[in-house]
């Protein structure tokens, strides 16, 4: 998973992730941002998972949901859970490309640490 952190023209931190991990961009920019309390809560959850205190945890964000377990995390866009009509025009396909992203728990913990250092 390749990523970089930059500052936008307005002085806000931006996380940029490679294709396939776009939801991480939204998670870091929109769901966590510079909120130290949210970052601290995520560190606590990760520590609890690593120590075996909990087996899994779900975080409901504004527009997406993160599911964490002892091995990996998965972010799902809430739009993916929208109801699909019973009847759709012929040839219509429903795609979930860009609606689900995931990575290993250790990888995510590393990115979270880097984000925290970046935003200072």
N, C-alpha and C. Protein backbone atom coordinates (compact mmCIF):
# COMPACT_ATOMS: atom_id res chain seq x y z
N UNK A 1 0.86 -1.17 0.00
CA UNK A 1 0.00 0.00 0.00
C UNK A 1 0.90 1.23 0.00
N UNK A 2 0.85 1.98 -1.08
CA UNK A 2 1.63 3.21 -1.18
C UNK A 2 0.76 4.41 -0.84
N UNK A 3 1.36 5.35 -0.13
CA UNK A 3 0.62 6.55 0.27
C UNK A 3 1.60 7.69 0.49
N UNK A 4 1.06 8.87 0.52
CA UNK A 4 1.83 10.04 0.91
C UNK A 4 0.91 11.03 1.60
N UNK A 5 1.50 11.85 2.45
CA UNK A 5 0.76 12.89 3.14
C UNK A 5 1.28 14.23 2.65
N UNK A 6 0.35 15.13 2.36
CA UNK A 6 0.70 16.46 1.87
C UNK A 6 -0.20 17.49 2.55
N UNK A 7 0.16 18.74 2.40
CA UNK A 7 -0.67 19.85 2.89
C UNK A 7 -1.34 20.48 1.69
N UNK A 8 -2.65 20.73 1.76
CA UNK A 8 -3.33 21.38 0.64
C UNK A 8 -3.10 22.89 0.71
N UNK A 9 -3.65 23.61 -0.25
CA UNK A 9 -3.44 25.06 -0.34
C UNK A 9 -4.00 25.82 0.86
N UNK A 10 -4.96 25.22 1.54
CA UNK A 10 -5.57 25.87 2.71
C UNK A 10 -4.88 25.49 4.01
N UNK A 11 -3.82 24.68 3.91
CA UNK A 11 -3.08 24.28 5.10
C UNK A 11 -3.64 23.08 5.83
N UNK A 12 -4.51 22.33 5.18
CA UNK A 12 -5.08 21.13 5.78
C UNK A 12 -4.29 19.90 5.34
N UNK A 13 -4.12 18.94 6.24
CA UNK A 13 -3.41 17.71 5.86
C UNK A 13 -4.27 16.83 4.97
N UNK A 14 -3.62 16.22 3.98
CA UNK A 14 -4.32 15.34 3.04
C UNK A 14 -3.54 14.03 2.94
N UNK A 15 -4.23 12.93 3.05
CA UNK A 15 -3.65 11.60 2.85
C UNK A 15 -4.01 11.16 1.44
N UNK A 16 -3.00 10.72 0.69
CA UNK A 16 -3.23 10.25 -0.68
C UNK A 16 -2.77 8.80 -0.77
N UNK A 17 -3.70 7.90 -1.08
CA UNK A 17 -3.41 6.48 -1.19
C UNK A 17 -3.56 6.01 -2.62
N UNK A 18 -2.82 4.96 -2.97
CA UNK A 18 -2.86 4.43 -4.33
C UNK A 18 -4.23 3.81 -4.65
N UNK A 19 -4.44 3.57 -5.95
CA UNK A 19 -5.69 2.97 -6.41
C UNK A 19 -5.93 1.64 -5.70
N UNK A 20 -7.15 1.42 -5.31
CA UNK A 20 -7.51 0.23 -4.56
C UNK A 20 -7.60 0.50 -3.07
N UNK A 21 -7.01 1.62 -2.66
CA UNK A 21 -7.02 2.00 -1.25
C UNK A 21 -7.60 3.39 -1.05
N UNK A 22 -8.44 3.81 -2.00
CA UNK A 22 -8.99 5.16 -1.98
C UNK A 22 -9.79 5.47 -0.71
N UNK A 23 -10.43 4.48 -0.15
CA UNK A 23 -11.22 4.74 1.05
C UNK A 23 -10.34 5.13 2.24
N UNK A 24 -9.08 4.73 2.22
CA UNK A 24 -8.17 5.17 3.27
C UNK A 24 -7.95 6.67 3.19
N UNK A 25 -7.94 7.21 1.98
CA UNK A 25 -7.82 8.67 1.81
C UNK A 25 -8.98 9.35 2.53
N UNK A 26 -10.19 8.89 2.27
CA UNK A 26 -11.37 9.46 2.92
C UNK A 26 -11.32 9.24 4.43
N UNK A 27 -10.89 8.06 4.86
CA UNK A 27 -10.89 7.76 6.29
C UNK A 27 -9.97 8.73 7.03
N UNK A 28 -8.75 8.90 6.52
CA UNK A 28 -7.80 9.77 7.20
C UNK A 28 -8.18 11.24 7.08
N UNK A 29 -8.66 11.66 5.93
CA UNK A 29 -8.99 13.08 5.73
C UNK A 29 -10.31 13.48 6.36
N UNK A 30 -11.33 12.65 6.21
CA UNK A 30 -12.68 13.02 6.62
C UNK A 30 -13.09 12.46 7.98
N UNK A 31 -12.72 11.24 8.26
CA UNK A 31 -13.18 10.59 9.49
C UNK A 31 -12.26 10.88 10.68
N UNK A 32 -10.94 10.90 10.45
CA UNK A 32 -9.99 11.14 11.54
C UNK A 32 -9.52 12.59 11.54
N UNK A 33 -9.04 13.04 10.40
CA UNK A 33 -8.53 14.41 10.30
C UNK A 33 -7.43 14.67 11.30
N UNK A 34 -7.52 15.77 11.99
CA UNK A 34 -6.51 16.14 12.99
C UNK A 34 -7.02 15.94 14.41
N UNK A 35 -8.08 15.16 14.56
CA UNK A 35 -8.72 14.93 15.86
C UNK A 35 -7.87 13.96 16.70
N UNK A 36 -7.11 14.52 17.64
CA UNK A 36 -6.24 13.72 18.48
C UNK A 36 -6.97 12.66 19.29
N UNK A 37 -8.20 12.96 19.69
CA UNK A 37 -8.98 11.99 20.47
C UNK A 37 -9.33 10.77 19.61
N UNK A 38 -9.71 10.99 18.36
CA UNK A 38 -10.03 9.87 17.48
C UNK A 38 -8.78 9.03 17.21
N UNK A 39 -7.65 9.69 17.01
CA UNK A 39 -6.39 8.97 16.77
C UNK A 39 -6.04 8.14 18.00
N UNK A 40 -6.18 8.71 19.18
CA UNK A 40 -5.89 8.00 20.43
C UNK A 40 -6.82 6.79 20.59
N UNK A 41 -8.10 6.97 20.27
CA UNK A 41 -9.06 5.87 20.36
C UNK A 41 -8.66 4.73 19.41
N UNK A 42 -8.19 5.09 18.21
CA UNK A 42 -7.78 4.07 17.24
C UNK A 42 -6.56 3.31 17.77
N UNK A 43 -5.60 4.03 18.36
CA UNK A 43 -4.43 3.36 18.95
C UNK A 43 -4.86 2.39 20.05
N UNK A 44 -5.81 2.80 20.87
CA UNK A 44 -6.31 1.94 21.95
C UNK A 44 -6.95 0.68 21.39
N UNK A 45 -7.78 0.82 20.37
CA UNK A 45 -8.44 -0.33 19.75
C UNK A 45 -7.40 -1.28 19.15
N UNK A 46 -6.42 -0.73 18.46
CA UNK A 46 -5.38 -1.56 17.85
C UNK A 46 -4.60 -2.32 18.95
N UNK A 47 -4.26 -1.64 20.03
CA UNK A 47 -3.54 -2.27 21.14
C UNK A 47 -4.39 -3.40 21.75
N UNK A 48 -5.69 -3.15 21.93
CA UNK A 48 -6.59 -4.18 22.48
C UNK A 48 -6.67 -5.40 21.56
N UNK A 49 -6.71 -5.15 20.26
CA UNK A 49 -6.73 -6.26 19.30
C UNK A 49 -5.43 -7.05 19.35
N UNK A 50 -4.30 -6.37 19.37
CA UNK A 50 -3.00 -7.04 19.40
C UNK A 50 -2.82 -7.85 20.69
N UNK A 51 -3.31 -7.32 21.81
CA UNK A 51 -3.17 -7.99 23.10
C UNK A 51 -4.18 -9.11 23.30
N UNK A 52 -5.16 -9.22 22.39
CA UNK A 52 -6.18 -10.24 22.52
C UNK A 52 -7.29 -9.88 23.49
N UNK A 53 -7.33 -8.63 23.92
CA UNK A 53 -8.39 -8.18 24.82
C UNK A 53 -9.74 -8.17 24.12
N UNK A 54 -9.73 -7.87 22.83
CA UNK A 54 -10.94 -7.93 22.00
C UNK A 54 -10.59 -8.67 20.72
N UNK A 55 -11.58 -9.27 20.09
CA UNK A 55 -11.35 -10.04 18.86
C UNK A 55 -11.64 -9.21 17.61
N UNK A 56 -12.59 -8.28 17.74
CA UNK A 56 -12.97 -7.44 16.61
C UNK A 56 -13.62 -6.17 17.14
N UNK A 57 -13.68 -5.19 16.26
CA UNK A 57 -14.29 -3.91 16.64
C UNK A 57 -14.79 -3.23 15.36
N UNK A 58 -15.92 -2.55 15.45
CA UNK A 58 -16.49 -1.82 14.32
C UNK A 58 -16.59 -0.35 14.68
N UNK A 59 -16.13 0.49 13.75
CA UNK A 59 -16.23 1.94 13.92
C UNK A 59 -17.11 2.47 12.81
N UNK A 60 -18.20 3.09 13.19
CA UNK A 60 -19.13 3.68 12.22
C UNK A 60 -18.75 5.14 12.04
N UNK A 61 -18.30 5.49 10.84
CA UNK A 61 -17.96 6.87 10.54
C UNK A 61 -19.14 7.60 9.93
N UNK A 62 -18.89 8.79 9.39
CA UNK A 62 -19.96 9.59 8.78
C UNK A 62 -20.45 8.98 7.47
N UNK A 63 -19.53 8.47 6.65
CA UNK A 63 -19.91 7.94 5.34
C UNK A 63 -19.37 6.55 5.08
N UNK A 64 -18.69 5.97 6.07
CA UNK A 64 -18.11 4.64 5.89
C UNK A 64 -17.99 3.94 7.23
N UNK A 65 -17.73 2.63 7.15
CA UNK A 65 -17.60 1.81 8.33
C UNK A 65 -16.28 1.06 8.28
N UNK A 66 -15.55 1.06 9.41
CA UNK A 66 -14.30 0.32 9.50
C UNK A 66 -14.51 -0.87 10.42
N UNK A 67 -14.14 -2.05 9.93
CA UNK A 67 -14.20 -3.26 10.73
C UNK A 67 -12.77 -3.74 10.96
N UNK A 68 -12.40 -3.89 12.21
CA UNK A 68 -11.06 -4.32 12.58
C UNK A 68 -11.12 -5.67 13.27
N UNK A 69 -10.16 -6.54 12.99
CA UNK A 69 -9.98 -7.76 13.77
C UNK A 69 -8.50 -7.91 14.06
N UNK A 70 -8.09 -9.00 14.63
CA UNK A 70 -6.70 -9.16 15.06
C UNK A 70 -5.72 -9.26 13.90
N UNK A 71 -6.22 -9.47 12.69
CA UNK A 71 -5.35 -9.62 11.53
C UNK A 71 -5.42 -8.47 10.54
N UNK A 72 -6.62 -7.92 10.35
CA UNK A 72 -6.78 -6.95 9.28
C UNK A 72 -7.89 -5.94 9.58
N UNK A 73 -7.95 -4.95 8.73
CA UNK A 73 -9.04 -3.98 8.80
C UNK A 73 -9.67 -3.89 7.42
N UNK A 74 -10.95 -3.53 7.40
CA UNK A 74 -11.66 -3.34 6.14
C UNK A 74 -12.54 -2.11 6.28
N UNK A 75 -12.46 -1.24 5.28
CA UNK A 75 -13.30 -0.05 5.25
C UNK A 75 -14.32 -0.25 4.14
N UNK A 76 -15.58 -0.01 4.45
CA UNK A 76 -16.66 -0.15 3.47
C UNK A 76 -17.41 1.17 3.38
N UNK A 77 -17.60 1.65 2.16
CA UNK A 77 -18.41 2.86 1.95
C UNK A 77 -19.86 2.52 2.28
N UNK A 78 -20.52 3.38 3.03
CA UNK A 78 -21.91 3.13 3.39
C UNK A 78 -22.82 3.04 2.17
N UNK A 79 -22.42 3.68 1.08
CA UNK A 79 -23.23 3.63 -0.15
C UNK A 79 -23.33 2.21 -0.69
N UNK A 80 -22.37 1.35 -0.36
CA UNK A 80 -22.40 -0.04 -0.81
C UNK A 80 -23.55 -0.79 -0.17
N UNK A 81 -23.95 -0.34 1.01
CA UNK A 81 -25.03 -1.01 1.72
C UNK A 81 -26.41 -0.50 1.31
N UNK A 82 -26.44 0.44 0.38
CA UNK A 82 -27.72 0.98 -0.08
C UNK A 82 -28.53 -0.13 -0.74
N UNK A 83 -29.83 -0.01 -0.65
CA UNK A 83 -30.70 -1.02 -1.24
C UNK A 83 -30.65 -0.95 -2.76
N UNK A 84 -30.57 -2.12 -3.37
CA UNK A 84 -30.55 -2.23 -4.83
C UNK A 84 -31.97 -2.58 -5.26
N UNK A 85 -32.51 -1.83 -6.22
CA UNK A 85 -33.88 -2.12 -6.67
C UNK A 85 -34.02 -3.53 -7.25
N UNK A 86 -35.20 -4.11 -7.08
CA UNK A 86 -35.45 -5.45 -7.60
C UNK A 86 -35.38 -5.48 -9.11
N UNK A 87 -35.90 -4.45 -9.75
CA UNK A 87 -35.90 -4.41 -11.21
C UNK A 87 -35.02 -3.27 -11.68
N UNK A 88 -34.05 -3.63 -12.53
CA UNK A 88 -33.15 -2.63 -13.10
C UNK A 88 -33.13 -2.82 -14.60
N UNK A 89 -32.78 -1.79 -15.34
CA UNK A 89 -32.71 -1.92 -16.79
C UNK A 89 -31.76 -3.06 -17.20
N UNK A 90 -32.11 -3.73 -18.29
CA UNK A 90 -31.29 -4.82 -18.79
C UNK A 90 -29.86 -4.33 -19.05
N UNK A 91 -28.90 -5.14 -18.65
CA UNK A 91 -27.50 -4.79 -18.87
C UNK A 91 -26.89 -3.94 -17.77
N UNK A 92 -27.69 -3.55 -16.78
CA UNK A 92 -27.16 -2.75 -15.68
C UNK A 92 -26.38 -3.65 -14.74
N UNK A 93 -25.18 -3.20 -14.36
CA UNK A 93 -24.35 -3.96 -13.44
C UNK A 93 -24.07 -3.13 -12.20
N UNK A 94 -24.03 -3.79 -11.08
CA UNK A 94 -23.68 -3.14 -9.82
C UNK A 94 -22.24 -3.50 -9.51
N UNK A 95 -21.41 -2.50 -9.32
CA UNK A 95 -20.00 -2.73 -9.03
C UNK A 95 -19.66 -2.18 -7.65
N UNK A 96 -18.81 -2.91 -6.95
CA UNK A 96 -18.36 -2.39 -5.65
C UNK A 96 -16.92 -1.90 -5.72
N UNK A 97 -16.41 -1.69 -6.94
CA UNK A 97 -15.05 -1.16 -7.09
C UNK A 97 -14.96 0.18 -6.36
N UNK A 98 -13.95 0.32 -5.55
CA UNK A 98 -13.76 1.58 -4.83
C UNK A 98 -14.63 1.73 -3.61
N UNK A 99 -15.45 0.71 -3.31
CA UNK A 99 -16.35 0.79 -2.16
C UNK A 99 -15.84 -0.01 -0.97
N UNK A 100 -14.80 -0.83 -1.18
CA UNK A 100 -14.21 -1.63 -0.11
C UNK A 100 -12.69 -1.54 -0.23
N UNK A 101 -12.03 -1.27 0.89
CA UNK A 101 -10.57 -1.29 0.94
C UNK A 101 -10.16 -1.96 2.22
N UNK A 102 -9.02 -2.63 2.20
CA UNK A 102 -8.55 -3.28 3.40
C UNK A 102 -7.05 -3.43 3.41
N UNK A 103 -6.51 -3.75 4.58
CA UNK A 103 -5.08 -4.01 4.73
C UNK A 103 -4.86 -4.74 6.04
N UNK A 104 -3.64 -5.14 6.29
CA UNK A 104 -3.29 -5.80 7.54
C UNK A 104 -3.33 -4.82 8.71
N UNK A 105 -3.59 -5.35 9.89
CA UNK A 105 -3.67 -4.51 11.08
C UNK A 105 -2.33 -3.81 11.34
N UNK A 106 -1.22 -4.52 11.18
CA UNK A 106 0.10 -3.92 11.39
C UNK A 106 0.36 -2.79 10.41
N UNK A 107 -0.02 -3.00 9.14
CA UNK A 107 0.16 -1.95 8.13
C UNK A 107 -0.64 -0.71 8.49
N UNK A 108 -1.89 -0.93 8.93
CA UNK A 108 -2.73 0.21 9.29
C UNK A 108 -2.16 0.94 10.50
N UNK A 109 -1.67 0.20 11.48
CA UNK A 109 -1.07 0.82 12.67
C UNK A 109 0.12 1.68 12.27
N UNK A 110 0.91 1.22 11.33
CA UNK A 110 2.06 1.98 10.85
C UNK A 110 1.62 3.27 10.16
N UNK A 111 0.60 3.18 9.31
CA UNK A 111 0.09 4.37 8.62
C UNK A 111 -0.49 5.36 9.64
N UNK A 112 -1.22 4.86 10.62
CA UNK A 112 -1.79 5.73 11.65
C UNK A 112 -0.68 6.47 12.41
N UNK A 113 0.39 5.77 12.74
CA UNK A 113 1.52 6.41 13.41
C UNK A 113 2.13 7.49 12.53
N UNK A 114 2.29 7.19 11.25
CA UNK A 114 2.86 8.16 10.31
C UNK A 114 1.96 9.39 10.18
N UNK A 115 0.65 9.16 10.12
CA UNK A 115 -0.31 10.27 10.03
C UNK A 115 -0.22 11.15 11.27
N UNK A 116 -0.15 10.52 12.42
CA UNK A 116 -0.07 11.27 13.68
C UNK A 116 1.20 12.14 13.71
N UNK A 117 2.31 11.56 13.26
CA UNK A 117 3.57 12.33 13.21
C UNK A 117 3.46 13.48 12.20
N UNK A 118 2.82 13.21 11.06
CA UNK A 118 2.70 14.21 10.01
C UNK A 118 1.91 15.42 10.46
N UNK A 119 0.77 15.17 11.11
CA UNK A 119 -0.09 16.30 11.50
C UNK A 119 0.44 17.00 12.75
N UNK A 120 1.36 16.32 13.46
CA UNK A 120 2.04 16.91 14.60
C UNK A 120 1.13 17.36 15.66
